[in-house]
């Protein structure tokens, strides 16, 4: 049986990994999540039931490190999103999140590439 071997001539990824710091990665992830959060808010505002505009105007996003929080501060937002025993749901946040799942995955990939300087 022939003996197989290989020689690694140029390992560019290791060089980038050594230069990447956790602070840089957290910063890049935060930047990308902020963009995704803004997109989710835009879609949610388009989908939100509209009577006075209060619910729509209460939709927000916030990034804390690697956490993206999206919600609405109107006290009746959960009733609109999930419905009640007397009212069918008029979901606006969940469909907005679903519409941006691929954007979220892409954002994490871009953040990693940016942090690595690739």
N, C-alpha and C. Protein backbone atom coordinates (compact mmCIF):
# COMPACT_ATOMS: atom_id res chain seq x y z
N UNK A 1 0.84 -1.17 0.00
CA UNK A 1 0.00 0.00 0.00
C UNK A 1 0.89 1.24 0.00
N UNK A 2 0.62 2.18 -0.93
CA UNK A 2 1.48 3.35 -1.01
C UNK A 2 1.27 4.27 0.20
N UNK A 3 2.34 4.86 0.61
CA UNK A 3 2.30 5.80 1.72
C UNK A 3 1.90 7.17 1.18
N UNK A 4 0.92 7.81 1.87
CA UNK A 4 0.46 9.12 1.42
C UNK A 4 0.86 10.16 2.44
N UNK A 5 1.23 11.30 1.94
CA UNK A 5 1.56 12.41 2.83
C UNK A 5 1.24 13.71 2.10
N UNK A 6 1.19 14.77 2.86
CA UNK A 6 0.97 16.07 2.25
C UNK A 6 1.75 17.10 3.04
N UNK A 7 1.98 18.20 2.40
CA UNK A 7 2.70 19.30 3.04
C UNK A 7 1.84 20.54 2.89
N UNK A 8 1.60 21.21 4.00
CA UNK A 8 0.80 22.42 3.98
C UNK A 8 1.72 23.59 3.65
N UNK A 9 1.55 24.14 2.46
CA UNK A 9 2.43 25.21 1.98
C UNK A 9 2.03 26.55 2.59
N UNK A 10 0.77 26.88 2.53
CA UNK A 10 0.33 28.19 2.99
C UNK A 10 -0.99 28.04 3.73
N UNK A 11 -0.98 28.33 4.99
CA UNK A 11 -2.20 28.24 5.80
C UNK A 11 -2.65 29.67 6.11
N UNK A 12 -3.51 30.21 5.27
CA UNK A 12 -3.94 31.60 5.46
C UNK A 12 -4.96 31.73 6.59
N UNK A 13 -5.76 30.71 6.83
CA UNK A 13 -6.78 30.81 7.86
C UNK A 13 -6.17 30.95 9.25
N UNK A 14 -5.12 30.19 9.54
CA UNK A 14 -4.48 30.27 10.87
C UNK A 14 -3.97 31.67 11.15
N UNK A 15 -3.41 32.31 10.14
CA UNK A 15 -2.91 33.67 10.30
C UNK A 15 -4.04 34.61 10.71
N UNK A 16 -5.19 34.47 10.05
CA UNK A 16 -6.33 35.32 10.36
C UNK A 16 -6.91 35.00 11.74
N UNK A 17 -6.95 33.72 12.09
CA UNK A 17 -7.48 33.33 13.40
C UNK A 17 -6.62 33.89 14.52
N UNK A 18 -5.33 33.94 14.34
CA UNK A 18 -4.43 34.47 15.36
C UNK A 18 -4.63 35.97 15.54
N UNK A 19 -5.00 36.66 14.49
CA UNK A 19 -5.20 38.11 14.55
C UNK A 19 -6.58 38.48 15.09
N UNK A 20 -7.50 37.54 15.08
CA UNK A 20 -8.87 37.82 15.50
C UNK A 20 -8.97 37.79 17.02
N UNK A 21 -9.57 38.82 17.58
CA UNK A 21 -9.79 38.86 19.02
C UNK A 21 -11.28 38.66 19.30
N UNK A 22 -11.58 38.23 20.49
CA UNK A 22 -12.99 38.03 20.83
C UNK A 22 -13.73 39.36 20.83
N UNK A 23 -13.05 40.45 21.20
CA UNK A 23 -13.70 41.77 21.19
C UNK A 23 -14.05 42.17 19.76
N UNK A 24 -13.18 41.90 18.84
CA UNK A 24 -13.43 42.23 17.44
C UNK A 24 -14.60 41.42 16.91
N UNK A 25 -14.64 40.13 17.25
CA UNK A 25 -15.73 39.27 16.81
C UNK A 25 -17.06 39.74 17.39
N UNK A 26 -17.08 40.07 18.68
CA UNK A 26 -18.31 40.56 19.32
C UNK A 26 -18.77 41.86 18.67
N UNK A 27 -17.82 42.74 18.38
CA UNK A 27 -18.17 44.00 17.72
C UNK A 27 -18.80 43.74 16.35
N UNK A 28 -18.17 42.89 15.56
CA UNK A 28 -18.68 42.59 14.21
C UNK A 28 -20.05 41.93 14.26
N UNK A 29 -20.22 40.99 15.19
CA UNK A 29 -21.53 40.33 15.33
C UNK A 29 -22.58 41.36 15.72
N UNK A 30 -22.25 42.23 16.65
CA UNK A 30 -23.19 43.28 17.06
C UNK A 30 -23.59 44.19 15.92
N UNK A 31 -22.62 44.57 15.09
CA UNK A 31 -22.90 45.44 13.94
C UNK A 31 -23.86 44.75 12.97
N UNK A 32 -23.59 43.49 12.68
CA UNK A 32 -24.43 42.76 11.73
C UNK A 32 -25.82 42.49 12.30
N UNK A 33 -25.90 42.18 13.60
CA UNK A 33 -27.20 41.94 14.22
C UNK A 33 -28.04 43.21 14.23
N UNK A 34 -27.39 44.35 14.35
CA UNK A 34 -28.12 45.62 14.33
C UNK A 34 -28.81 45.82 12.98
N UNK A 35 -28.13 45.47 11.91
CA UNK A 35 -28.71 45.58 10.57
C UNK A 35 -29.89 44.62 10.42
N UNK A 36 -29.71 43.38 10.85
CA UNK A 36 -30.78 42.39 10.76
C UNK A 36 -31.97 42.84 11.62
N UNK A 37 -31.69 43.35 12.80
CA UNK A 37 -32.76 43.83 13.68
C UNK A 37 -33.57 44.94 13.04
N UNK A 38 -32.89 45.86 12.38
CA UNK A 38 -33.59 46.95 11.69
C UNK A 38 -34.47 46.41 10.57
N UNK A 39 -33.98 45.39 9.86
CA UNK A 39 -34.79 44.78 8.79
C UNK A 39 -36.02 44.09 9.37
N UNK A 40 -35.85 43.40 10.49
CA UNK A 40 -36.98 42.72 11.13
C UNK A 40 -38.03 43.75 11.56
N UNK A 41 -37.58 44.85 12.14
CA UNK A 41 -38.51 45.90 12.57
C UNK A 41 -39.26 46.47 11.37
N UNK A 42 -38.58 46.69 10.26
CA UNK A 42 -39.25 47.22 9.06
C UNK A 42 -40.36 46.29 8.59
N UNK A 43 -40.06 44.99 8.54
CA UNK A 43 -41.07 44.02 8.09
C UNK A 43 -42.22 43.95 9.10
N UNK A 44 -41.89 43.92 10.38
CA UNK A 44 -42.93 43.85 11.42
C UNK A 44 -43.85 45.05 11.36
N UNK A 45 -43.29 46.22 11.10
CA UNK A 45 -44.11 47.43 11.01
C UNK A 45 -45.06 47.37 9.80
N UNK A 46 -44.60 46.75 8.73
CA UNK A 46 -45.48 46.58 7.56
C UNK A 46 -46.62 45.61 7.86
N UNK A 47 -46.34 44.60 8.69
CA UNK A 47 -47.33 43.56 8.98
C UNK A 47 -48.23 43.87 10.16
N UNK A 48 -47.84 44.81 11.00
CA UNK A 48 -48.60 45.09 12.21
C UNK A 48 -49.98 45.64 11.88
N UNK A 49 -51.00 45.19 12.63
CA UNK A 49 -52.33 45.77 12.46
C UNK A 49 -52.26 47.27 12.76
N UNK A 50 -53.00 48.04 12.00
CA UNK A 50 -52.89 49.49 12.12
C UNK A 50 -54.25 50.11 12.36
N UNK A 51 -54.39 50.75 13.48
CA UNK A 51 -55.57 51.56 13.73
C UNK A 51 -55.11 52.97 14.09
N UNK A 52 -54.32 53.07 15.15
CA UNK A 52 -53.82 54.38 15.58
C UNK A 52 -52.34 54.56 15.26
N UNK A 53 -51.63 53.47 15.00
CA UNK A 53 -50.20 53.53 14.75
C UNK A 53 -49.36 53.33 16.00
N UNK A 54 -50.02 53.23 17.17
CA UNK A 54 -49.29 53.07 18.42
C UNK A 54 -48.53 51.75 18.46
N UNK A 55 -49.17 50.67 18.07
CA UNK A 55 -48.51 49.36 18.06
C UNK A 55 -47.33 49.39 17.09
N UNK A 56 -47.56 49.86 15.91
CA UNK A 56 -46.50 49.93 14.90
C UNK A 56 -45.31 50.74 15.40
N UNK A 57 -45.60 51.87 16.02
CA UNK A 57 -44.52 52.74 16.50
C UNK A 57 -43.80 52.18 17.72
N UNK A 58 -44.39 51.18 18.38
CA UNK A 58 -43.76 50.62 19.57
C UNK A 58 -42.82 49.44 19.26
N UNK A 59 -42.74 49.05 17.99
CA UNK A 59 -41.87 47.93 17.60
C UNK A 59 -40.42 48.40 17.62
N UNK A 60 -39.55 47.60 18.21
CA UNK A 60 -38.16 47.99 18.38
C UNK A 60 -37.23 46.79 18.23
N UNK A 61 -35.95 47.09 18.13
CA UNK A 61 -34.91 46.06 18.26
C UNK A 61 -33.78 46.64 19.09
N UNK A 62 -33.08 45.73 19.77
CA UNK A 62 -31.97 46.12 20.63
C UNK A 62 -30.92 45.02 20.54
N UNK A 63 -29.66 45.42 20.43
CA UNK A 63 -28.55 44.47 20.38
C UNK A 63 -27.73 44.64 21.66
N UNK A 64 -27.47 43.51 22.31
CA UNK A 64 -26.63 43.51 23.51
C UNK A 64 -25.62 42.37 23.34
N UNK A 65 -24.43 42.73 22.90
CA UNK A 65 -23.41 41.70 22.64
C UNK A 65 -23.81 40.85 21.45
N UNK A 66 -24.07 39.59 21.72
CA UNK A 66 -24.49 38.68 20.65
C UNK A 66 -25.98 38.36 20.74
N UNK A 67 -26.72 39.18 21.46
CA UNK A 67 -28.16 38.96 21.62
C UNK A 67 -28.93 40.02 20.86
N UNK A 68 -29.85 39.57 20.03
CA UNK A 68 -30.75 40.48 19.31
C UNK A 68 -32.14 40.33 19.91
N UNK A 69 -32.67 41.41 20.43
CA UNK A 69 -34.01 41.42 21.01
C UNK A 69 -34.91 42.23 20.08
N UNK A 70 -36.04 41.65 19.73
CA UNK A 70 -37.04 42.34 18.90
C UNK A 70 -38.37 42.22 19.63
N UNK A 71 -39.10 43.31 19.70
CA UNK A 71 -40.38 43.26 20.40
C UNK A 71 -41.19 44.50 20.14
N UNK A 72 -42.27 44.62 20.91
CA UNK A 72 -43.14 45.79 20.84
C UNK A 72 -43.53 46.15 22.26
N UNK A 73 -43.52 47.43 22.57
CA UNK A 73 -43.80 47.87 23.94
C UNK A 73 -45.28 48.15 24.20
N UNK A 74 -46.10 48.16 23.16
CA UNK A 74 -47.53 48.38 23.38
C UNK A 74 -48.06 47.26 24.27
N UNK A 75 -48.85 47.62 25.28
CA UNK A 75 -49.30 46.62 26.23
C UNK A 75 -50.21 45.56 25.61
N UNK A 76 -50.76 45.81 24.47
CA UNK A 76 -51.63 44.83 23.81
C UNK A 76 -50.93 44.09 22.67
N UNK A 77 -49.62 44.26 22.53
CA UNK A 77 -48.88 43.63 21.43
C UNK A 77 -48.99 42.11 21.46
N UNK A 78 -48.89 41.51 22.65
CA UNK A 78 -48.96 40.04 22.71
C UNK A 78 -50.34 39.52 22.32
N UNK A 79 -51.39 40.28 22.62
CA UNK A 79 -52.74 39.87 22.22
C UNK A 79 -52.87 39.87 20.70
N UNK A 80 -52.28 40.88 20.06
CA UNK A 80 -52.30 40.93 18.60
C UNK A 80 -51.47 39.78 18.01
N UNK A 81 -50.30 39.54 18.60
CA UNK A 81 -49.40 38.52 18.06
C UNK A 81 -49.96 37.11 18.23
N UNK A 82 -50.49 36.80 19.40
CA UNK A 82 -50.89 35.43 19.70
C UNK A 82 -52.40 35.23 19.76
N UNK A 83 -53.17 36.31 19.78
CA UNK A 83 -54.61 36.20 19.86
C UNK A 83 -55.07 35.96 21.30
N UNK A 84 -56.37 35.87 21.45
CA UNK A 84 -56.98 35.58 22.75
C UNK A 84 -58.08 34.55 22.52
N UNK A 85 -58.79 34.20 23.56
CA UNK A 85 -59.89 33.26 23.37
C UNK A 85 -61.05 33.90 22.61
N UNK A 86 -61.03 35.23 22.50
CA UNK A 86 -62.08 35.93 21.76
C UNK A 86 -61.61 36.52 20.44
N UNK A 87 -60.31 36.47 20.19
CA UNK A 87 -59.77 37.15 19.01
C UNK A 87 -58.68 36.29 18.36
N UNK A 88 -58.74 36.19 17.06
CA UNK A 88 -57.71 35.46 16.32
C UNK A 88 -56.41 36.28 16.31
N UNK A 89 -55.27 35.62 16.22
CA UNK A 89 -54.01 36.36 16.20
C UNK A 89 -53.82 37.14 14.90
N UNK A 90 -53.14 38.25 15.02
CA UNK A 90 -52.70 39.04 13.87
C UNK A 90 -51.18 39.17 14.00
N UNK A 91 -50.50 38.07 13.77
CA UNK A 91 -49.05 38.02 13.99
C UNK A 91 -48.31 38.99 13.08
N UNK A 92 -47.35 39.67 13.66
CA UNK A 92 -46.50 40.59 12.91
C UNK A 92 -45.03 40.37 13.24
N UNK A 93 -44.70 39.96 14.47
CA UNK A 93 -43.31 39.74 14.84
C UNK A 93 -42.78 38.40 14.34
N UNK A 94 -43.52 37.34 14.56
CA UNK A 94 -43.05 36.01 14.15
C UNK A 94 -42.85 35.93 12.64
N UNK A 95 -43.80 36.41 11.82
CA UNK A 95 -43.54 36.39 10.38
C UNK A 95 -42.33 37.25 9.97
N UNK A 96 -42.12 38.36 10.68
CA UNK A 96 -40.96 39.22 10.37
C UNK A 96 -39.66 38.48 10.72
N UNK A 97 -39.66 37.76 11.83
CA UNK A 97 -38.48 36.96 12.20
C UNK A 97 -38.25 35.85 11.18
N UNK A 98 -39.33 35.16 10.81
CA UNK A 98 -39.21 34.08 9.82
C UNK A 98 -38.67 34.59 8.49
N UNK A 99 -39.12 35.77 8.09
CA UNK A 99 -38.68 36.34 6.81
C UNK A 99 -37.20 36.71 6.82
N UNK A 100 -36.62 36.84 8.01
CA UNK A 100 -35.22 37.28 8.12
C UNK A 100 -34.28 36.21 8.65
N UNK A 101 -34.72 34.96 8.72
CA UNK A 101 -33.86 33.90 9.24
C UNK A 101 -32.57 33.76 8.43
N UNK A 102 -32.70 33.76 7.12
CA UNK A 102 -31.50 33.63 6.28
C UNK A 102 -30.60 34.84 6.43
N UNK A 103 -31.19 36.02 6.59
CA UNK A 103 -30.39 37.23 6.81
C UNK A 103 -29.60 37.12 8.11
N UNK A 104 -30.20 36.50 9.11
CA UNK A 104 -29.52 36.30 10.39
C UNK A 104 -28.30 35.39 10.21
N UNK A 105 -28.49 34.28 9.51
CA UNK A 105 -27.39 33.35 9.25
C UNK A 105 -26.30 34.04 8.44
N UNK A 106 -26.69 34.78 7.42
CA UNK A 106 -25.72 35.50 6.59
C UNK A 106 -24.96 36.55 7.42
N UNK A 107 -25.66 37.21 8.35
CA UNK A 107 -25.03 38.23 9.17
C UNK A 107 -23.94 37.64 10.06
N UNK A 108 -24.20 36.47 10.62
CA UNK A 108 -23.19 35.83 11.46
C UNK A 108 -21.98 35.43 10.60
N UNK A 109 -22.24 34.95 9.41
CA UNK A 109 -21.14 34.58 8.50
C UNK A 109 -20.31 35.82 8.13
N UNK A 110 -20.97 36.90 7.78
CA UNK A 110 -20.27 38.14 7.42
C UNK A 110 -19.48 38.67 8.61
N UNK A 111 -20.08 38.62 9.80
CA UNK A 111 -19.37 39.09 10.99
C UNK A 111 -18.10 38.28 11.24
N UNK A 112 -18.19 36.99 11.07
CA UNK A 112 -17.01 36.14 11.26
C UNK A 112 -15.93 36.47 10.23
N UNK A 113 -16.34 36.61 8.98
CA UNK A 113 -15.37 36.96 7.93
C UNK A 113 -14.74 38.33 8.18
N UNK A 114 -15.56 39.29 8.61
CA UNK A 114 -15.04 40.62 8.91
C UNK A 114 -14.05 40.58 10.08
N UNK A 115 -14.41 39.82 11.10
CA UNK A 115 -13.53 39.73 12.27
C UNK A 115 -12.20 39.07 11.92
N UNK A 116 -12.26 38.12 10.97
CA UNK A 116 -11.05 37.44 10.55
C UNK A 116 -10.26 38.27 9.54
N UNK A 117 -10.89 39.31 9.01
CA UNK A 117 -10.23 40.15 8.02
C UNK A 117 -10.11 39.48 6.66
N UNK A 118 -11.05 38.60 6.39
CA UNK A 118 -11.02 37.84 5.11
C UNK A 118 -11.90 38.53 4.11
